[in-house]
Amino acid sequence: MEWTDYAGYAGAALTAVNFLPQVIKAWKTKDVADISYWMLILVIAAQSVWLVYAYALSLVPVLISNACLLLMALILLWFKYKFGRKNKKA
């Protein structure tokens, strides 16, 4: 592997865990009030486009990192819906 491959995988790993602290915090606290729906929708749209791009060009590190980030954004969106409704009822 070339140094560029290592850089690509390192960047992919860092990108893949980008939202992980927020997902963990939201799960533990059930508090999602400060998370914007619009930010999540934009991230989901952007990561979806990146997935198409990475797949078309067979860019495995980009594909992996964006798939992970898309998954975490979808989880946060679910938390926003689920926990946001719970907090409104209380």
N, C-alpha and C. Protein backbone atom coordinates (compact mmCIF):
# COMPACT_ATOMS: atom_id res chain seq x y z
N MET A 1 0.83 -1.19 0.00
CA MET A 1 0.00 0.00 0.00
C MET A 1 0.88 1.25 0.00
N GLU A 2 0.40 2.24 -0.66
CA GLU A 2 1.08 3.53 -0.73
C GLU A 2 0.71 4.37 0.50
N TRP A 3 1.46 5.44 0.72
CA TRP A 3 1.16 6.33 1.85
C TRP A 3 -0.20 7.00 1.67
N THR A 4 -0.60 7.20 0.42
CA THR A 4 -1.90 7.81 0.16
C THR A 4 -3.04 6.89 0.59
N ASP A 5 -2.82 5.58 0.47
CA ASP A 5 -3.83 4.62 0.94
C ASP A 5 -3.97 4.71 2.46
N TYR A 6 -2.85 4.78 3.15
CA TYR A 6 -2.88 4.91 4.62
C TYR A 6 -3.57 6.21 5.03
N ALA A 7 -3.27 7.28 4.31
CA ALA A 7 -3.91 8.57 4.60
C ALA A 7 -5.41 8.48 4.36
N GLY A 8 -5.80 7.82 3.29
CA GLY A 8 -7.22 7.65 2.98
C GLY A 8 -7.94 6.86 4.05
N TYR A 9 -7.35 5.78 4.50
CA TYR A 9 -7.98 4.96 5.54
C TYR A 9 -7.98 5.67 6.89
N ALA A 10 -6.93 6.44 7.18
CA ALA A 10 -6.91 7.21 8.43
C ALA A 10 -8.00 8.28 8.41
N GLY A 11 -8.12 8.97 7.31
CA GLY A 11 -9.18 9.97 7.17
C GLY A 11 -10.55 9.34 7.23
N ALA A 12 -10.70 8.18 6.63
CA ALA A 12 -11.97 7.46 6.67
C ALA A 12 -12.33 7.06 8.09
N ALA A 13 -11.35 6.59 8.84
CA ALA A 13 -11.61 6.19 10.23
C ALA A 13 -12.03 7.38 11.08
N LEU A 14 -11.35 8.50 10.91
CA LEU A 14 -11.71 9.70 11.67
C LEU A 14 -13.08 10.23 11.28
N THR A 15 -13.39 10.20 9.99
CA THR A 15 -14.70 10.64 9.53
C THR A 15 -15.79 9.70 10.03
N ALA A 16 -15.49 8.41 10.03
CA ALA A 16 -16.48 7.41 10.42
C ALA A 16 -16.93 7.58 11.87
N VAL A 17 -16.05 8.07 12.72
CA VAL A 17 -16.41 8.24 14.14
C VAL A 17 -16.80 9.67 14.47
N ASN A 18 -16.98 10.49 13.46
CA ASN A 18 -17.28 11.91 13.62
C ASN A 18 -18.46 12.18 14.54
N PHE A 19 -19.57 11.49 14.35
CA PHE A 19 -20.79 11.73 15.12
C PHE A 19 -20.92 10.79 16.31
N LEU A 20 -19.98 9.86 16.48
CA LEU A 20 -20.11 8.87 17.54
C LEU A 20 -20.28 9.48 18.93
N PRO A 21 -19.49 10.49 19.32
CA PRO A 21 -19.71 11.08 20.65
C PRO A 21 -21.12 11.66 20.81
N GLN A 22 -21.65 12.27 19.76
CA GLN A 22 -23.00 12.84 19.82
C GLN A 22 -24.06 11.74 19.92
N VAL A 23 -23.88 10.66 19.18
CA VAL A 23 -24.82 9.54 19.24
C VAL A 23 -24.83 8.94 20.65
N ILE A 24 -23.66 8.74 21.23
CA ILE A 24 -23.56 8.17 22.57
C ILE A 24 -24.21 9.10 23.59
N LYS A 25 -23.91 10.39 23.50
CA LYS A 25 -24.48 11.36 24.44
C LYS A 25 -26.01 11.41 24.32
N ALA A 26 -26.52 11.44 23.10
CA ALA A 26 -27.97 11.49 22.89
C ALA A 26 -28.63 10.23 23.43
N TRP A 27 -28.00 9.10 23.24
CA TRP A 27 -28.55 7.84 23.72
C TRP A 27 -28.58 7.80 25.24
N LYS A 28 -27.50 8.26 25.87
CA LYS A 28 -27.43 8.23 27.34
C LYS A 28 -28.37 9.25 27.98
N THR A 29 -28.39 10.46 27.46
CA THR A 29 -29.16 11.54 28.10
C THR A 29 -30.59 11.65 27.60
N LYS A 30 -30.86 11.07 26.44
CA LYS A 30 -32.18 11.20 25.79
C LYS A 30 -32.53 12.66 25.51
N ASP A 31 -31.50 13.50 25.43
CA ASP A 31 -31.67 14.94 25.19
C ASP A 31 -31.16 15.27 23.79
N VAL A 32 -32.07 15.64 22.91
CA VAL A 32 -31.72 15.96 21.53
C VAL A 32 -32.21 17.35 21.13
N ALA A 33 -32.58 18.12 22.12
CA ALA A 33 -33.18 19.44 21.85
C ALA A 33 -32.24 20.35 21.04
N ASP A 34 -30.95 20.25 21.26
CA ASP A 34 -30.00 21.14 20.59
C ASP A 34 -29.52 20.61 19.24
N ILE A 35 -30.03 19.48 18.82
CA ILE A 35 -29.64 18.93 17.52
C ILE A 35 -30.65 19.41 16.48
N SER A 36 -30.16 20.00 15.43
CA SER A 36 -31.00 20.57 14.39
C SER A 36 -31.46 19.51 13.38
N TYR A 37 -32.77 19.49 13.10
CA TYR A 37 -33.29 18.61 12.05
C TYR A 37 -32.63 18.95 10.71
N TRP A 38 -32.49 20.24 10.42
CA TRP A 38 -31.94 20.65 9.13
C TRP A 38 -30.49 20.21 8.97
N MET A 39 -29.71 20.27 10.03
CA MET A 39 -28.33 19.81 9.96
C MET A 39 -28.30 18.32 9.64
N LEU A 40 -29.15 17.55 10.31
CA LEU A 40 -29.19 16.11 10.07
C LEU A 40 -29.64 15.80 8.64
N ILE A 41 -30.63 16.51 8.15
CA ILE A 41 -31.11 16.28 6.78
C ILE A 41 -30.02 16.62 5.77
N LEU A 42 -29.29 17.71 5.99
CA LEU A 42 -28.20 18.08 5.09
C LEU A 42 -27.07 17.06 5.13
N VAL A 43 -26.73 16.57 6.31
CA VAL A 43 -25.68 15.56 6.43
C VAL A 43 -26.11 14.28 5.72
N ILE A 44 -27.35 13.86 5.92
CA ILE A 44 -27.85 12.66 5.26
C ILE A 44 -27.82 12.81 3.75
N ALA A 45 -28.22 13.96 3.24
CA ALA A 45 -28.18 14.20 1.80
C ALA A 45 -26.74 14.18 1.29
N ALA A 46 -25.85 14.87 1.99
CA ALA A 46 -24.44 14.94 1.56
C ALA A 46 -23.80 13.56 1.58
N GLN A 47 -24.02 12.80 2.64
CA GLN A 47 -23.39 11.48 2.72
C GLN A 47 -23.96 10.54 1.67
N SER A 48 -25.22 10.69 1.33
CA SER A 48 -25.82 9.86 0.28
C SER A 48 -25.16 10.14 -1.07
N VAL A 49 -24.93 11.41 -1.36
CA VAL A 49 -24.25 11.77 -2.61
C VAL A 49 -22.82 11.26 -2.62
N TRP A 50 -22.12 11.40 -1.49
CA TRP A 50 -20.76 10.89 -1.38
C TRP A 50 -20.71 9.38 -1.58
N LEU A 51 -21.72 8.67 -1.08
CA LEU A 51 -21.76 7.21 -1.28
C LEU A 51 -21.88 6.85 -2.75
N VAL A 52 -22.71 7.55 -3.48
CA VAL A 52 -22.86 7.30 -4.91
C VAL A 52 -21.53 7.58 -5.61
N TYR A 53 -20.91 8.68 -5.29
CA TYR A 53 -19.62 9.07 -5.87
C TYR A 53 -18.55 8.01 -5.57
N ALA A 54 -18.44 7.62 -4.31
CA ALA A 54 -17.42 6.66 -3.91
C ALA A 54 -17.66 5.30 -4.56
N TYR A 55 -18.91 4.90 -4.64
CA TYR A 55 -19.23 3.63 -5.29
C TYR A 55 -18.87 3.66 -6.77
N ALA A 56 -19.22 4.75 -7.42
CA ALA A 56 -18.96 4.88 -8.86
C ALA A 56 -17.47 4.84 -9.18
N LEU A 57 -16.65 5.38 -8.28
CA LEU A 57 -15.20 5.43 -8.51
C LEU A 57 -14.43 4.36 -7.74
N SER A 58 -15.15 3.47 -7.06
CA SER A 58 -14.55 2.38 -6.27
C SER A 58 -13.56 2.91 -5.23
N LEU A 59 -13.96 3.96 -4.54
CA LEU A 59 -13.13 4.56 -3.50
C LEU A 59 -13.54 3.98 -2.15
N VAL A 60 -12.93 2.87 -1.78
CA VAL A 60 -13.34 2.12 -0.59
C VAL A 60 -13.26 2.95 0.69
N PRO A 61 -12.17 3.68 0.96
CA PRO A 61 -12.14 4.46 2.20
C PRO A 61 -13.26 5.50 2.28
N VAL A 62 -13.54 6.15 1.17
CA VAL A 62 -14.60 7.16 1.12
C VAL A 62 -15.96 6.49 1.30
N LEU A 63 -16.13 5.34 0.70
CA LEU A 63 -17.38 4.59 0.82
C LEU A 63 -17.63 4.18 2.27
N ILE A 64 -16.62 3.63 2.92
CA ILE A 64 -16.77 3.17 4.30
C ILE A 64 -17.06 4.32 5.25
N SER A 65 -16.28 5.38 5.15
CA SER A 65 -16.45 6.50 6.08
C SER A 65 -17.80 7.17 5.91
N ASN A 66 -18.23 7.35 4.69
CA ASN A 66 -19.51 8.02 4.46
C ASN A 66 -20.69 7.12 4.81
N ALA A 67 -20.54 5.82 4.64
CA ALA A 67 -21.60 4.90 5.07
C ALA A 67 -21.75 4.94 6.59
N CYS A 68 -20.63 4.99 7.31
CA CYS A 68 -20.67 5.07 8.78
C CYS A 68 -21.30 6.39 9.22
N LEU A 69 -20.89 7.47 8.61
CA LEU A 69 -21.43 8.77 8.98
C LEU A 69 -22.91 8.87 8.65
N LEU A 70 -23.31 8.32 7.52
CA LEU A 70 -24.72 8.29 7.16
C LEU A 70 -25.52 7.50 8.19
N LEU A 71 -25.00 6.36 8.60
CA LEU A 71 -25.68 5.55 9.60
C LEU A 71 -25.85 6.31 10.92
N MET A 72 -24.80 6.98 11.37
CA MET A 72 -24.90 7.74 12.62
C MET A 72 -25.85 8.93 12.50
N ALA A 73 -25.87 9.57 11.35
CA ALA A 73 -26.81 10.69 11.15
C ALA A 73 -28.24 10.17 11.17
N LEU A 74 -28.47 8.99 10.58
CA LEU A 74 -29.81 8.40 10.60
C LEU A 74 -30.21 8.01 12.03
N ILE A 75 -29.26 7.51 12.79
CA ILE A 75 -29.53 7.19 14.20
C ILE A 75 -29.89 8.45 14.96
N LEU A 76 -29.13 9.52 14.76
CA LEU A 76 -29.44 10.78 15.44
C LEU A 76 -30.80 11.32 15.02
N LEU A 77 -31.14 11.17 13.74
CA LEU A 77 -32.45 11.61 13.28
C LEU A 77 -33.55 10.80 13.98
N TRP A 78 -33.34 9.50 14.10
CA TRP A 78 -34.30 8.66 14.82
C TRP A 78 -34.42 9.10 16.28
N PHE A 79 -33.28 9.34 16.93
CA PHE A 79 -33.29 9.82 18.32
C PHE A 79 -34.03 11.14 18.43
N LYS A 80 -33.79 12.03 17.47
CA LYS A 80 -34.45 13.34 17.48
C LYS A 80 -35.96 13.16 17.43
N TYR A 81 -36.40 12.25 16.59
CA TYR A 81 -37.84 11.98 16.48
C TYR A 81 -38.36 11.30 17.75
N LYS A 82 -37.68 10.25 18.17
CA LYS A 82 -38.14 9.44 19.31
C LYS A 82 -38.05 10.20 20.63
N PHE A 83 -36.90 10.75 20.94
CA PHE A 83 -36.71 11.42 22.22
C PHE A 83 -37.36 12.79 22.24
N GLY A 84 -37.44 13.44 21.08
CA GLY A 84 -38.11 14.74 21.01
C GLY A 84 -39.58 14.63 21.34
N ARG A 85 -40.22 13.58 20.85
CA ARG A 85 -41.64 13.35 21.15
C ARG A 85 -41.83 13.02 22.62
N LYS A 86 -40.92 12.24 23.18
CA LYS A 86 -41.01 11.86 24.59
C LYS A 86 -40.91 13.09 25.49
N ASN A 87 -40.01 14.00 25.14
CA ASN A 87 -39.82 15.21 25.95
C ASN A 87 -41.00 16.15 25.85
N LYS A 88 -41.69 16.17 24.70
CA LYS A 88 -42.86 17.04 24.54
C LYS A 88 -44.04 16.54 25.38
N LYS A 89 -44.13 15.22 25.55
CA LYS A 89 -45.21 14.65 26.33
C LYS A 89 -45.03 14.90 27.83
N ALA A 90 -43.78 15.02 28.25
CA ALA A 90 -43.50 15.19 29.68
C ALA A 90 -43.77 16.59 30.18
